[in-house]
Amino acid sequence: MKKILPIVLIATVLVYFSSCEKDDICVEGDTPLLVIGFYDIDDTTATKDVPLMRIKEIILDETVNTFTDRSSNLDSIGIPLRASTSSTQFAFITNSADDAETGVETGNIDTLTVSYQNTEAFISRACGFVANYGDLTVTLPESANNWIQDIRIVQQTVENSNSVHVKIFH
């Protein structure tokens, strides 16, 4: 009996420690945002703020919440793309306001369609998978009322939110 007790005790301790799981903490596991910079159409190297900017995701009919709504001093923003589809449509609204009587959105509205190929990247056991986007294209239907004058894609892939992916000139 004296010989069995130490063996059982050692076995119990081994089972206890082998069943423990590492405490993983996810630090770098966010799906990147599409970073859009706003530039002056007359001086393409100079950033230019968009007055009272609002962006709405059209399919979900929701205002993008990754920046302060109706801000006046934004020369760049990060917006989320939908990982479940190959394109996302946004209404870019400058001088955004609600009509006092009807509550209808006023301002100059341009609708952009961002198309991409979605790929998943495994980060770690704690973070799981994140979506990355490649083959980026942005289209804007032509109109005489567009406040957006030109669009240039700077980076075809969206793998981080550290730099501008798309430049919008106005």
Protein backbone atom coordinates (compact mmCIF):
# COMPACT_ATOMS: atom_id res chain seq x y z
CA MET A 1 0.00 0.00 0.00
CA LYS A 2 2.88 2.36 0.79
CA LYS A 3 4.33 1.80 -2.69
CA ILE A 4 1.02 2.37 -4.50
CA LEU A 5 0.21 5.73 -2.86
CA PRO A 6 3.25 7.62 -4.32
CA ILE A 7 2.56 6.14 -7.77
CA VAL A 8 -1.10 7.25 -7.65
CA LEU A 9 -0.06 10.70 -6.43
CA ILE A 10 2.51 11.13 -9.23
CA ALA A 11 0.00 9.90 -11.84
CA THR A 12 -2.62 12.34 -10.58
CA VAL A 13 -0.19 15.28 -10.80
CA LEU A 14 0.87 14.26 -14.33
CA VAL A 15 -2.74 13.99 -15.50
CA TYR A 16 -3.56 17.36 -13.93
CA PHE A 17 -0.69 19.25 -15.62
CA SER A 18 -1.05 17.52 -18.97
CA SER A 19 -4.72 18.52 -19.18
CA CYS A 20 -3.96 22.23 -18.78
CA GLU A 21 -4.29 24.35 -21.90
CA LYS A 22 -2.15 27.37 -22.68
CA ASP A 23 -3.82 30.71 -22.14
CA ASP A 24 -3.57 32.23 -25.62
CA ILE A 25 -4.35 35.89 -26.02
CA CYS A 26 -5.09 37.27 -29.46
CA VAL A 27 -3.23 40.51 -30.14
CA GLU A 28 -2.89 40.70 -33.92
CA GLY A 29 -6.07 38.95 -35.01
CA ASP A 30 -8.31 41.64 -36.51
CA THR A 31 -9.57 41.63 -40.08
CA PRO A 32 -8.05 44.75 -41.67
CA LEU A 33 -10.08 47.79 -42.65
CA LEU A 34 -9.95 49.32 -46.12
CA VAL A 35 -8.08 52.59 -45.61
CA ILE A 36 -9.21 55.44 -47.84
CA GLY A 37 -7.35 58.73 -48.09
CA PHE A 38 -8.94 61.94 -49.36
CA TYR A 39 -6.83 64.19 -51.57
CA ASP A 40 -7.11 67.51 -53.36
CA ILE A 41 -7.93 67.08 -57.06
CA ASP A 42 -5.85 70.19 -57.91
CA ASP A 43 -2.79 69.17 -55.86
CA THR A 44 -2.80 65.35 -55.84
CA THR A 45 -0.09 65.14 -53.16
CA ALA A 46 -2.05 67.21 -50.61
CA THR A 47 -4.67 65.65 -48.37
CA LYS A 48 -8.05 67.34 -48.23
CA ASP A 49 -10.68 67.06 -45.51
CA VAL A 50 -14.22 66.03 -46.38
CA PRO A 51 -16.82 68.25 -44.67
CA LEU A 52 -19.51 66.51 -42.58
CA MET A 53 -18.61 63.05 -43.87
CA ARG A 54 -20.98 60.10 -43.48
CA ILE A 55 -20.60 56.66 -45.00
CA LYS A 56 -23.43 54.14 -45.13
CA GLU A 57 -23.13 50.49 -46.08
CA ILE A 58 -25.95 50.12 -48.59
CA ILE A 59 -27.01 46.45 -48.26
CA LEU A 60 -27.16 46.56 -44.45
CA ASP A 61 -28.42 50.19 -44.51
CA GLU A 62 -26.11 51.05 -41.62
CA THR A 63 -23.81 53.97 -40.96
CA VAL A 64 -20.16 52.90 -40.79
CA ASN A 65 -19.03 53.24 -37.17
CA THR A 66 -15.24 53.03 -37.51
CA PHE A 67 -14.93 56.83 -37.39
CA THR A 68 -16.95 59.71 -35.94
CA ASP A 69 -20.10 60.24 -38.00
CA ARG A 70 -20.40 63.59 -39.79
CA SER A 71 -16.85 64.59 -38.98
CA SER A 72 -15.44 67.66 -40.68
CA ASN A 73 -11.72 67.04 -40.35
CA LEU A 74 -11.12 63.63 -41.89
CA ASP A 75 -8.45 63.18 -44.52
CA SER A 76 -8.45 59.38 -44.19
CA ILE A 77 -10.72 56.68 -42.81
CA GLY A 78 -10.84 52.92 -42.34
CA ILE A 79 -14.01 51.09 -43.36
CA PRO A 80 -14.91 47.40 -43.04
CA LEU A 81 -15.53 45.22 -46.07
CA ARG A 82 -18.06 42.40 -45.94
CA ALA A 83 -16.18 39.10 -45.71
CA SER A 84 -19.20 37.03 -46.77
CA THR A 85 -19.39 38.55 -50.28
CA SER A 86 -17.07 39.66 -53.07
CA SER A 87 -18.19 43.30 -53.07
CA THR A 88 -19.51 45.98 -50.72
CA GLN A 89 -21.44 49.10 -51.69
CA PHE A 90 -21.10 52.33 -49.78
CA ALA A 91 -22.83 55.69 -49.95
CA PHE A 92 -20.19 58.40 -49.43
CA ILE A 93 -21.99 61.54 -48.28
CA THR A 94 -20.38 64.95 -48.01
CA ASN A 95 -22.15 67.82 -46.18
CA SER A 96 -24.37 65.21 -44.56
CA ALA A 97 -27.40 66.37 -42.59
CA ASP A 98 -30.96 65.30 -41.86
CA ASP A 99 -33.78 67.37 -43.33
CA ALA A 100 -35.52 69.11 -40.40
CA GLU A 101 -39.03 68.31 -41.66
CA THR A 102 -38.68 64.87 -43.26
CA GLY A 103 -35.59 63.45 -41.58
CA VAL A 104 -34.29 62.39 -45.00
CA GLU A 105 -30.53 62.38 -45.59
CA THR A 106 -29.30 65.48 -47.43
CA GLY A 107 -25.89 66.24 -48.85
CA ASN A 108 -24.03 65.11 -51.93
CA ILE A 109 -24.15 61.31 -52.15
CA ASP A 110 -21.81 59.18 -54.31
CA THR A 111 -22.23 55.41 -54.36
CA LEU A 112 -19.02 53.37 -54.56
CA THR A 113 -18.80 49.65 -55.17
CA VAL A 114 -15.68 48.00 -53.79
CA SER A 115 -15.03 44.58 -55.34
CA TYR A 116 -12.42 42.11 -54.11
CA GLN A 117 -11.45 38.49 -53.66
CA ASN A 118 -11.76 37.31 -50.09
CA THR A 119 -9.10 35.02 -48.63
CA GLU A 120 -8.80 33.74 -45.09
CA ALA A 121 -5.51 33.68 -43.24
CA PHE A 122 -4.92 31.61 -40.11
CA ILE A 123 -3.32 33.78 -37.42
CA SER A 124 -3.13 31.55 -34.35
CA ARG A 125 -5.21 29.23 -32.23
CA ALA A 126 -6.40 32.15 -30.10
CA CYS A 127 -7.14 34.49 -33.01
CA GLY A 128 -8.39 31.98 -35.53
CA PHE A 129 -8.86 33.21 -39.08
CA VAL A 130 -9.00 36.76 -40.43
CA ALA A 131 -10.20 37.90 -43.83
CA ASN A 132 -7.78 39.51 -46.26
CA TYR A 133 -8.83 41.05 -49.55
CA GLY A 134 -7.09 41.01 -52.92
CA ASP A 135 -7.66 42.16 -56.52
CA LEU A 136 -9.25 45.35 -55.23
CA THR A 137 -11.36 47.45 -57.63
CA VAL A 138 -13.51 50.50 -56.90
CA THR A 139 -16.22 51.76 -59.23
CA LEU A 140 -18.26 54.96 -59.19
CA PRO A 141 -21.12 55.54 -61.65
CA GLU A 142 -20.49 58.73 -63.62
CA SER A 143 -22.71 61.68 -62.85
CA ALA A 144 -22.46 65.44 -63.23
CA ASN A 145 -23.22 65.74 -59.50
CA ASN A 146 -20.36 63.54 -58.22
CA TRP A 147 -18.26 65.20 -55.54
CA ILE A 148 -15.67 62.46 -56.04
CA GLN A 149 -13.63 63.41 -59.10
CA ASP A 150 -11.16 60.50 -59.32
CA ILE A 151 -10.28 57.24 -57.57
CA ARG A 152 -6.88 55.54 -57.55
CA ILE A 153 -6.01 52.20 -56.00
CA VAL A 154 -2.65 52.41 -54.25
CA GLN A 155 -2.53 48.82 -52.91
CA GLN A 156 -4.35 45.91 -54.57
CA THR A 157 -4.37 43.86 -51.37
CA VAL A 158 -5.81 44.67 -47.96
CA GLU A 159 -3.80 42.72 -45.39
CA ASN A 160 -3.37 45.44 -42.75
CA SER A 161 -4.75 48.87 -41.87
CA ASN A 162 -1.38 50.62 -41.65
CA SER A 163 -1.45 52.63 -44.89
CA VAL A 164 -3.81 54.00 -47.53
CA HIS A 165 -5.22 51.44 -49.99
CA VAL A 166 -7.42 53.80 -52.05
CA LYS A 167 -7.05 57.51 -52.79
CA ILE A 168 -10.17 59.56 -53.46
CA PHE A 169 -9.71 62.94 -55.10
CA HIS A 170 -12.28 65.71 -54.66
